[in-house]
């Protein structure tokens, strides 16, 4: 199953100091949400539900 990536959000507890986010920014990589964020599991579950609801039946 293909899951689209979510971008980091400013409500993340480490958004402004996240080494992963800064590293990706310096390398020009996508600023995707990662397991460091407290909201990662919640966001992933919501994204999966949205994708499931959008699929034709």
Protein backbone atom coordinates (compact mmCIF):
# COMPACT_ATOMS: atom_id res chain seq x y z
CA UNK A 1 0.00 0.00 0.00
CA UNK A 2 1.34 3.43 -0.95
CA UNK A 3 1.20 6.16 1.71
CA UNK A 4 1.89 9.74 0.72
CA UNK A 5 4.25 11.59 3.00
CA UNK A 6 3.10 14.34 5.30
CA UNK A 7 5.09 17.50 5.84
CA UNK A 8 6.36 18.47 9.27
CA UNK A 9 3.97 20.73 11.15
CA UNK A 10 4.73 23.62 13.48
CA UNK A 11 2.79 21.93 16.30
CA UNK A 12 5.51 19.25 16.54
CA UNK A 13 7.32 19.50 19.89
CA UNK A 14 10.73 19.64 18.22
CA UNK A 15 9.84 21.45 14.96
CA UNK A 16 12.20 24.41 15.45
CA UNK A 17 15.13 22.38 16.81
CA UNK A 18 14.74 19.10 14.91
CA UNK A 19 18.10 17.95 13.54
CA UNK A 20 16.39 15.70 10.99
CA UNK A 21 14.37 18.63 9.59
CA UNK A 22 17.43 20.89 9.42
CA UNK A 23 19.54 18.16 7.79
CA UNK A 24 16.87 17.55 5.15
CA UNK A 25 16.60 21.30 4.53
CA UNK A 26 20.35 21.64 4.01
CA UNK A 27 20.33 18.73 1.55
CA UNK A 28 17.23 20.00 -0.28
CA UNK A 29 15.24 16.91 0.71
CA UNK A 30 11.50 16.77 1.39
CA UNK A 31 10.46 18.00 4.83
CA UNK A 32 8.42 14.89 5.67
CA UNK A 33 6.93 13.99 9.03
CA UNK A 34 8.96 11.36 10.89
CA UNK A 35 8.67 9.21 14.06
CA UNK A 36 10.45 11.87 16.16
CA UNK A 37 7.17 13.84 16.21
CA UNK A 38 4.66 13.10 19.01
CA UNK A 39 1.91 13.38 16.39
CA UNK A 40 3.45 10.91 13.92
CA UNK A 41 1.16 7.97 14.78
CA UNK A 42 -1.93 10.19 15.00
CA UNK A 43 -1.20 11.91 11.68
CA UNK A 44 -0.39 8.62 9.98
CA UNK A 45 -3.64 7.08 11.19
CA UNK A 46 -5.65 10.10 10.02
CA UNK A 47 -3.93 10.09 6.62
CA UNK A 48 -4.63 6.36 6.20
CA UNK A 49 -8.30 6.92 7.07
CA UNK A 50 -8.56 9.77 4.53
CA UNK A 51 -7.00 7.62 1.80
CA UNK A 52 -9.32 4.75 2.66
CA UNK A 53 -12.39 7.02 2.50
CA UNK A 54 -11.33 8.35 -0.92
CA UNK A 55 -11.04 4.92 -2.55
CA UNK A 56 -13.94 3.94 -4.84
CA UNK A 57 -16.14 1.16 -3.57
